[in-house]
Amino acid sequence: GGVLAYQALTSPASKPATPVAAAPVAPVAAAPVAKP
């Protein structure tokens, strides 16, 4: 349920990708399926 985010800079040669803090995401319940 967590999220991992990385920010890549516009110039990939300048710096490696940097981890960015992200808030945890709650699981999403499936929408009910209408019975035929």
PDB file of all heavy atoms in Angstrom:
ATOM      1  N   GLY A   1       0.798  -1.204   0.000  1.00  0.00           N
ATOM      2  CA  GLY A   1       0.000   0.000   0.000  1.00  0.00           C
ATOM      3  C   GLY A   1       0.840   1.267   0.000  1.00  0.00           C
ATOM      4  O   GLY A   1       0.330   2.356  -0.136  1.00  0.00           O
ATOM      5  N   GLY A   2       2.167   1.155   0.139  1.00  0.00           N
ATOM      6  CA  GLY A   2       3.031   2.327   0.130  1.00  0.00           C
ATOM      7  C   GLY A   2       3.360   2.755  -1.290  1.00  0.00           C
ATOM      8  O   GLY A   2       3.066   2.070  -2.252  1.00  0.00           O
ATOM      9  N   VAL A   3       3.980   3.905  -1.399  1.00  0.00           N
ATOM     10  CA  VAL A   3       4.364   4.427  -2.703  1.00  0.00           C
ATOM     11  C   VAL A   3       5.821   4.832  -2.637  1.00  0.00           C
ATOM     12  O   VAL A   3       6.274   5.399  -1.659  1.00  0.00           O
ATOM     13  CB  VAL A   3       3.489   5.654  -3.074  1.00  0.00           C
ATOM     14  CG1 VAL A   3       3.983   6.302  -4.351  1.00  0.00           C
ATOM     15  CG2 VAL A   3       2.044   5.244  -3.210  1.00  0.00           C
ATOM     16  N   LEU A   4       6.552   4.537  -3.696  1.00  0.00           N
ATOM     17  CA  LEU A   4       7.947   4.934  -3.799  1.00  0.00           C
ATOM     18  C   LEU A   4       8.034   5.842  -5.017  1.00  0.00           C
ATOM     19  O   LEU A   4       7.584   5.474  -6.100  1.00  0.00           O
ATOM     20  CB  LEU A   4       8.829   3.700  -3.981  1.00  0.00           C
ATOM     21  CG  LEU A   4      10.314   3.935  -4.123  1.00  0.00           C
ATOM     22  CD1 LEU A   4      10.863   4.597  -2.854  1.00  0.00           C
ATOM     23  CD2 LEU A   4      11.023   2.631  -4.370  1.00  0.00           C
ATOM     24  N   ALA A   5       8.556   7.045  -4.852  1.00  0.00           N
ATOM     25  CA  ALA A   5       8.631   7.980  -5.967  1.00  0.00           C
ATOM     26  C   ALA A   5      10.078   8.394  -6.190  1.00  0.00           C
ATOM     27  O   ALA A   5      10.833   8.588  -5.241  1.00  0.00           O
ATOM     28  CB  ALA A   5       7.775   9.205  -5.677  1.00  0.00           C
ATOM     29  N   TYR A   6      10.489   8.519  -7.454  1.00  0.00           N
ATOM     30  CA  TYR A   6      11.813   8.992  -7.810  1.00  0.00           C
ATOM     31  C   TYR A   6      11.660  10.151  -8.773  1.00  0.00           C
ATOM     32  O   TYR A   6      10.807  10.133  -9.650  1.00  0.00           O
ATOM     33  CB  TYR A   6      12.635   7.885  -8.493  1.00  0.00           C
ATOM     34  CG  TYR A   6      13.282   6.951  -7.516  1.00  0.00           C
ATOM     35  CD1 TYR A   6      12.643   5.784  -7.134  1.00  0.00           C
ATOM     36  CD2 TYR A   6      14.512   7.251  -6.951  1.00  0.00           C
ATOM     37  CE1 TYR A   6      13.225   4.927  -6.229  1.00  0.00           C
ATOM     38  CE2 TYR A   6      15.100   6.400  -6.048  1.00  0.00           C
ATOM     39  CZ  TYR A   6      14.454   5.239  -5.688  1.00  0.00           C
ATOM     40  OH  TYR A   6      15.038   4.398  -4.794  1.00  0.00           O
ATOM     41  N   GLN A   7      12.507  11.171  -8.572  1.00  0.00           N
ATOM     42  CA  GLN A   7      12.482  12.315  -9.466  1.00  0.00           C
ATOM     43  C   GLN A   7      13.761  12.280 -10.286  1.00  0.00           C
ATOM     44  O   GLN A   7      14.859  12.311  -9.747  1.00  0.00           O
ATOM     45  CB  GLN A   7      12.410  13.619  -8.668  1.00  0.00           C
ATOM     46  CG  GLN A   7      12.435  14.844  -9.541  1.00  0.00           C
ATOM     47  CD  GLN A   7      12.302  16.117  -8.721  1.00  0.00           C
ATOM     48  OE1 GLN A   7      12.139  16.064  -7.518  1.00  0.00           O
ATOM     49  NE2 GLN A   7      12.371  17.247  -9.388  1.00  0.00           N
ATOM     50  N   ALA A   8      13.599  12.202 -11.589  1.00  0.00           N
ATOM     51  CA  ALA A   8      14.756  12.222 -12.478  1.00  0.00           C
ATOM     52  C   ALA A   8      14.947  13.669 -12.933  1.00  0.00           C
ATOM     53  O   ALA A   8      13.981  14.344 -13.276  1.00  0.00           O
ATOM     54  CB  ALA A   8      14.520  11.315 -13.671  1.00  0.00           C
ATOM     55  N   LEU A   9      16.175  14.136 -12.930  1.00  0.00           N
ATOM     56  CA  LEU A   9      16.437  15.509 -13.334  1.00  0.00           C
ATOM     57  C   LEU A   9      16.362  15.632 -14.851  1.00  0.00           C
ATOM     58  O   LEU A   9      16.452  14.653 -15.579  1.00  0.00           O
ATOM     59  CB  LEU A   9      17.813  15.940 -12.831  1.00  0.00           C
ATOM     60  CG  LEU A   9      17.989  15.824 -11.304  1.00  0.00           C
ATOM     61  CD1 LEU A   9      19.406  16.136 -10.914  1.00  0.00           C
ATOM     62  CD2 LEU A   9      17.028  16.783 -10.609  1.00  0.00           C
ATOM     63  N   THR A  10      16.197  16.856 -15.346  1.00  0.00           N
ATOM     64  CA  THR A  10      16.086  17.071 -16.788  1.00  0.00           C
ATOM     65  C   THR A  10      17.366  16.683 -17.518  1.00  0.00           C
ATOM     66  O   THR A  10      17.332  16.347 -18.670  1.00  0.00           O
ATOM     67  CB  THR A  10      15.722  18.531 -17.098  1.00  0.00           C
ATOM     68  OG1 THR A  10      16.678  19.366 -16.481  1.00  0.00           O
ATOM     69  CG2 THR A  10      14.331  18.849 -16.644  1.00  0.00           C
ATOM     70  N   SER A  11      18.476  16.722 -16.842  1.00  0.00           N
ATOM     71  CA  SER A  11      19.740  16.324 -17.450  1.00  0.00           C
ATOM     72  C   SER A  11      20.229  15.072 -16.738  1.00  0.00           C
ATOM     73  O   SER A  11      20.822  15.156 -15.664  1.00  0.00           O
ATOM     74  CB  SER A  11      20.760  17.459 -17.307  1.00  0.00           C
ATOM     75  OG  SER A  11      22.003  17.031 -17.792  1.00  0.00           O
ATOM     76  N   PRO A  12      19.998  13.870 -17.292  1.00  0.00           N
ATOM     77  CA  PRO A  12      20.331  12.636 -16.602  1.00  0.00           C
ATOM     78  C   PRO A  12      21.804  12.520 -16.235  1.00  0.00           C
ATOM     79  O   PRO A  12      22.157  11.863 -15.285  1.00  0.00           O
ATOM     80  CB  PRO A  12      19.935  11.541 -17.584  1.00  0.00           C
ATOM     81  CG  PRO A  12      19.163  12.191 -18.665  1.00  0.00           C
ATOM     82  CD  PRO A  12      19.415  13.650 -18.579  1.00  0.00           C
ATOM     83  N   ALA A  13      22.695  13.173 -16.967  1.00  0.00           N
ATOM     84  CA  ALA A  13      24.126  13.059 -16.690  1.00  0.00           C
ATOM     85  C   ALA A  13      24.547  13.895 -15.485  1.00  0.00           C
ATOM     86  O   ALA A  13      25.591  13.660 -14.906  1.00  0.00           O
ATOM     87  CB  ALA A  13      24.920  13.489 -17.919  1.00  0.00           C
ATOM     88  N   SER A  14      23.723  14.866 -15.065  1.00  0.00           N
ATOM     89  CA  SER A  14      24.138  15.766 -13.991  1.00  0.00           C
ATOM     90  C   SER A  14      24.129  15.110 -12.622  1.00  0.00           C
ATOM     91  O   SER A  14      25.032  15.297 -11.841  1.00  0.00           O
ATOM     92  CB  SER A  14      23.273  17.024 -13.985  1.00  0.00           C
ATOM     93  OG  SER A  14      21.935  16.670 -13.721  1.00  0.00           O
ATOM     94  N   LYS A  15      23.057  14.322 -12.284  1.00  0.00           N
ATOM     95  CA  LYS A  15      22.957  13.679 -10.972  1.00  0.00           C
ATOM     96  C   LYS A  15      22.156  12.395 -11.113  1.00  0.00           C
ATOM     97  O   LYS A  15      21.307  12.286 -11.985  1.00  0.00           O
ATOM     98  CB  LYS A  15      22.226  14.580  -9.973  1.00  0.00           C
ATOM     99  CG  LYS A  15      22.984  15.770  -9.502  1.00  0.00           C
ATOM    100  CD  LYS A  15      22.186  16.463  -8.416  1.00  0.00           C
ATOM    101  CE  LYS A  15      22.855  17.735  -7.964  1.00  0.00           C
ATOM    102  NZ  LYS A  15      22.048  18.454  -6.999  1.00  0.00           N
ATOM    103  N   PRO A  16      22.383  11.448 -10.194  1.00  0.00           N
ATOM    104  CA  PRO A  16      21.531  10.253 -10.217  1.00  0.00           C
ATOM    105  C   PRO A  16      20.125  10.601  -9.720  1.00  0.00           C
ATOM    106  O   PRO A  16      19.912  11.646  -9.128  1.00  0.00           O
ATOM    107  CB  PRO A  16      22.241   9.295  -9.254  1.00  0.00           C
ATOM    108  CG  PRO A  16      23.087  10.161  -8.399  1.00  0.00           C
ATOM    109  CD  PRO A  16      23.439  11.381  -9.216  1.00  0.00           C
ATOM    110  N   ALA A  17      19.184   9.719  -9.960  1.00  0.00           N
ATOM    111  CA  ALA A  17      17.801   9.924  -9.521  1.00  0.00           C
ATOM    112  C   ALA A  17      17.747  10.093  -8.013  1.00  0.00           C
ATOM    113  O   ALA A  17      18.487   9.465  -7.273  1.00  0.00           O
ATOM    114  CB  ALA A  17      16.944   8.744  -9.947  1.00  0.00           C
ATOM    115  N   THR A  18      16.859  10.963  -7.546  1.00  0.00           N
ATOM    116  CA  THR A  18      16.733  11.285  -6.139  1.00  0.00           C
ATOM    117  C   THR A  18      15.406  10.770  -5.596  1.00  0.00           C
ATOM    118  O   THR A  18      14.360  11.045  -6.176  1.00  0.00           O
ATOM    119  CB  THR A  18      16.759  12.818  -5.952  1.00  0.00           C
ATOM    120  OG1 THR A  18      17.869  13.346  -6.653  1.00  0.00           O
ATOM    121  CG2 THR A  18      16.796  13.200  -4.496  1.00  0.00           C
ATOM    122  N   PRO A  19      15.439  10.018  -4.457  1.00  0.00           N
ATOM    123  CA  PRO A  19      14.165   9.598  -3.869  1.00  0.00           C
ATOM    124  C   PRO A  19      13.385  10.814  -3.380  1.00  0.00           C
ATOM    125  O   PRO A  19      13.946  11.746  -2.845  1.00  0.00           O
ATOM    126  CB  PRO A  19      14.570   8.717  -2.701  1.00  0.00           C
ATOM    127  CG  PRO A  19      16.015   8.416  -2.886  1.00  0.00           C
ATOM    128  CD  PRO A  19      16.577   9.486  -3.755  1.00  0.00           C
ATOM    129  N   VAL A  20      12.080  10.797  -3.570  1.00  0.00           N
ATOM    130  CA  VAL A  20      11.204  11.881  -3.134  1.00  0.00           C
ATOM    131  C   VAL A  20      10.223  11.298  -2.133  1.00  0.00           C
ATOM    132  O   VAL A  20       9.686  10.219  -2.350  1.00  0.00           O
ATOM    133  CB  VAL A  20      10.436  12.469  -4.343  1.00  0.00           C
ATOM    134  CG1 VAL A  20       9.445  13.524  -3.904  1.00  0.00           C
ATOM    135  CG2 VAL A  20      11.404  13.011  -5.366  1.00  0.00           C
ATOM    136  N   ALA A  21       9.992  11.998  -1.032  1.00  0.00           N
ATOM    137  CA  ALA A  21       9.056  11.507  -0.025  1.00  0.00           C
ATOM    138  C   ALA A  21       7.646  11.451  -0.600  1.00  0.00           C
ATOM    139  O   ALA A  21       7.224  12.348  -1.319  1.00  0.00           O
ATOM    140  CB  ALA A  21       9.074  12.421   1.193  1.00  0.00           C
ATOM    141  N   ALA A  22       6.945  10.369  -0.287  1.00  0.00           N
ATOM    142  CA  ALA A  22       5.567  10.223  -0.756  1.00  0.00           C
ATOM    143  C   ALA A  22       4.720   9.683   0.385  1.00  0.00           C
ATOM    144  O   ALA A  22       5.175   8.883   1.190  1.00  0.00           O
ATOM    145  CB  ALA A  22       5.513   9.279  -1.940  1.00  0.00           C
ATOM    146  N   ALA A  23       3.482  10.129   0.446  1.00  0.00           N
ATOM    147  CA  ALA A  23       2.567   9.677   1.495  1.00  0.00           C
ATOM    148  C   ALA A  23       2.063   8.277   1.171  1.00  0.00           C
ATOM    149  O   ALA A  23       1.915   7.918   0.009  1.00  0.00           O
ATOM    150  CB  ALA A  23       1.393  10.635   1.586  1.00  0.00           C
ATOM    151  N   PRO A  24       1.800   7.454   2.206  1.00  0.00           N
ATOM    152  CA  PRO A  24       1.236   6.136   1.951  1.00  0.00           C
ATOM    153  C   PRO A  24      -0.149   6.258   1.319  1.00  0.00           C
ATOM    154  O   PRO A  24      -0.875   7.211   1.572  1.00  0.00           O
ATOM    155  CB  PRO A  24       1.146   5.483   3.329  1.00  0.00           C
ATOM    156  CG  PRO A  24       1.544   6.516   4.313  1.00  0.00           C
ATOM    157  CD  PRO A  24       2.017   7.732   3.595  1.00  0.00           C
ATOM    158  N   VAL A  25      -0.466   5.302   0.505  1.00  0.00           N
ATOM    159  CA  VAL A  25      -1.746   5.313  -0.192  1.00  0.00           C
ATOM    160  C   VAL A  25      -2.609   4.177   0.344  1.00  0.00           C
ATOM    161  O   VAL A  25      -2.157   3.047   0.449  1.00  0.00           O
ATOM    162  CB  VAL A  25      -1.536   5.129  -1.711  1.00  0.00           C
ATOM    163  CG1 VAL A  25      -2.859   5.031  -2.441  1.00  0.00           C
ATOM    164  CG2 VAL A  25      -0.692   6.262  -2.259  1.00  0.00           C
ATOM    165  N   ALA A  26      -3.841   4.504   0.696  1.00  0.00           N
ATOM    166  CA  ALA A  26      -4.769   3.476   1.189  1.00  0.00           C
ATOM    167  C   ALA A  26      -5.229   2.613   0.019  1.00  0.00           C
ATOM    168  O   ALA A  26      -5.403   3.111  -1.086  1.00  0.00           O
ATOM    169  CB  ALA A  26      -5.977   4.137   1.852  1.00  0.00           C
ATOM    170  N   PRO A  27      -5.412   1.311   0.258  1.00  0.00           N
ATOM    171  CA  PRO A  27      -5.906   0.451  -0.813  1.00  0.00           C
ATOM    172  C   PRO A  27      -7.286   0.921  -1.278  1.00  0.00           C
ATOM    173  O   PRO A  27      -8.092   1.404  -0.493  1.00  0.00           O
ATOM    174  CB  PRO A  27      -6.014  -0.933  -0.171  1.00  0.00           C
ATOM    175  CG  PRO A  27      -5.277  -0.845   1.111  1.00  0.00           C
ATOM    176  CD  PRO A  27      -5.168   0.593   1.480  1.00  0.00           C
ATOM    177  N   VAL A  28      -7.544   0.781  -2.555  1.00  0.00           N
ATOM    178  CA  VAL A  28      -8.815   1.210  -3.131  1.00  0.00           C
ATOM    179  C   VAL A  28      -9.715  -0.009  -3.258  1.00  0.00           C
ATOM    180  O   VAL A  28      -9.312  -1.036  -3.785  1.00  0.00           O
ATOM    181  CB  VAL A  28      -8.596   1.842  -4.522  1.00  0.00           C
ATOM    182  CG1 VAL A  28      -9.908   2.219  -5.160  1.00  0.00           C
ATOM    183  CG2 VAL A  28      -7.676   3.044  -4.405  1.00  0.00           C
ATOM    184  N   ALA A  29     -10.934   0.113  -2.730  1.00  0.00           N
ATOM    185  CA  ALA A  29     -11.890  -0.991  -2.822  1.00  0.00           C
ATOM    186  C   ALA A  29     -12.422  -1.078  -4.248  1.00  0.00           C
ATOM    187  O   ALA A  29     -12.612  -0.063  -4.908  1.00  0.00           O
ATOM    188  CB  ALA A  29     -13.043  -0.761  -1.849  1.00  0.00           C
ATOM    189  N   ALA A  30     -12.651  -2.296  -4.689  1.00  0.00           N
ATOM    190  CA  ALA A  30     -13.201  -2.502  -6.027  1.00  0.00           C
ATOM    191  C   ALA A  30     -14.646  -2.022  -6.067  1.00  0.00           C
ATOM    192  O   ALA A  30     -15.393  -2.158  -5.104  1.00  0.00           O
ATOM    193  CB  ALA A  30     -13.140  -3.979  -6.395  1.00  0.00           C
ATOM    194  N   ALA A  31     -15.025  -1.451  -7.181  1.00  0.00           N
ATOM    195  CA  ALA A  31     -16.401  -0.978  -7.352  1.00  0.00           C
ATOM    196  C   ALA A  31     -17.325  -2.185  -7.443  1.00  0.00           C
ATOM    197  O   ALA A  31     -16.963  -3.203  -8.011  1.00  0.00           O
ATOM    198  CB  ALA A  31     -16.518  -0.148  -8.618  1.00  0.00           C
ATOM    199  N   PRO A  32     -18.518  -2.104  -6.868  1.00  0.00           N
ATOM    200  CA  PRO A  32     -19.441  -3.235  -6.953  1.00  0.00           C
ATOM    201  C   PRO A  32     -19.839  -3.489  -8.404  1.00  0.00           C
ATOM    202  O   PRO A  32     -19.987  -2.564  -9.185  1.00  0.00           O
ATOM    203  CB  PRO A  32     -20.645  -2.794  -6.122  1.00  0.00           C
ATOM    204  CG  PRO A  32     -20.509  -1.325  -5.958  1.00  0.00           C
ATOM    205  CD  PRO A  32     -19.064  -0.974  -6.149  1.00  0.00           C
ATOM    206  N   VAL A  33     -19.979  -4.753  -8.732  1.00  0.00           N
ATOM    207  CA  VAL A  33     -20.359  -5.141 -10.083  1.00  0.00           C
ATOM    208  C   VAL A  33     -21.866  -5.357 -10.108  1.00  0.00           C
ATOM    209  O   VAL A  33     -22.410  -6.074  -9.278  1.00  0.00           O
ATOM    210  CB  VAL A  33     -19.636  -6.435 -10.498  1.00  0.00           C
ATOM    211  CG1 VAL A  33     -20.085  -6.900 -11.873  1.00  0.00           C
ATOM    212  CG2 VAL A  33     -18.132  -6.242 -10.451  1.00  0.00           C
ATOM    213  N   ALA A  34     -22.521  -4.721 -11.044  1.00  0.00           N
ATOM    214  CA  ALA A  34     -23.975  -4.864 -11.155  1.00  0.00           C
ATOM    215  C   ALA A  34     -24.317  -6.276 -11.615  1.00  0.00           C
ATOM    216  O   ALA A  34     -23.682  -6.810 -12.515  1.00  0.00           O
ATOM    217  CB  ALA A  34     -24.524  -3.846 -12.135  1.00  0.00           C
ATOM    218  N   LYS A  35     -25.299  -6.881 -10.964  1.00  0.00           N
ATOM    219  CA  LYS A  35     -25.746  -8.203 -11.359  1.00  0.00           C
ATOM    220  C   LYS A  35     -26.618  -8.086 -12.596  1.00  0.00           C
ATOM    221  O   LYS A  35     -27.459  -7.201 -12.680  1.00  0.00           O
ATOM    222  CB  LYS A  35     -26.569  -8.861 -10.234  1.00  0.00           C
ATOM    223  CG  LYS A  35     -25.770  -9.317  -9.055  1.00  0.00           C
ATOM    224  CD  LYS A  35     -26.677  -9.881  -8.004  1.00  0.00           C
ATOM    225  CE  LYS A  35     -26.686 -11.379  -8.086  1.00  0.00           C
ATOM    226  NZ  LYS A  35     -27.492 -11.989  -7.021  1.00  0.00           N
ATOM    227  N   PRO A  36     -26.397  -8.975 -13.558  1.00  0.00           N
ATOM    228  CA  PRO A  36     -27.283  -8.931 -14.716  1.00  0.00           C
ATOM    229  C   PRO A  36     -28.702  -9.322 -14.307  1.00  0.00           C
ATOM    230  O   PRO A  36     -28.898 -10.026 -13.319  1.00  0.00           O
ATOM    231  CB  PRO A  36     -26.682  -9.975 -15.670  1.00  0.00           C
ATOM    232  CG  PRO A  36     -25.813 -10.837 -14.824  1.00  0.00           C
ATOM    233  CD  PRO A  36     -25.415 -10.021 -13.627  1.00  0.00           C
TER     234      PRO A  36
END
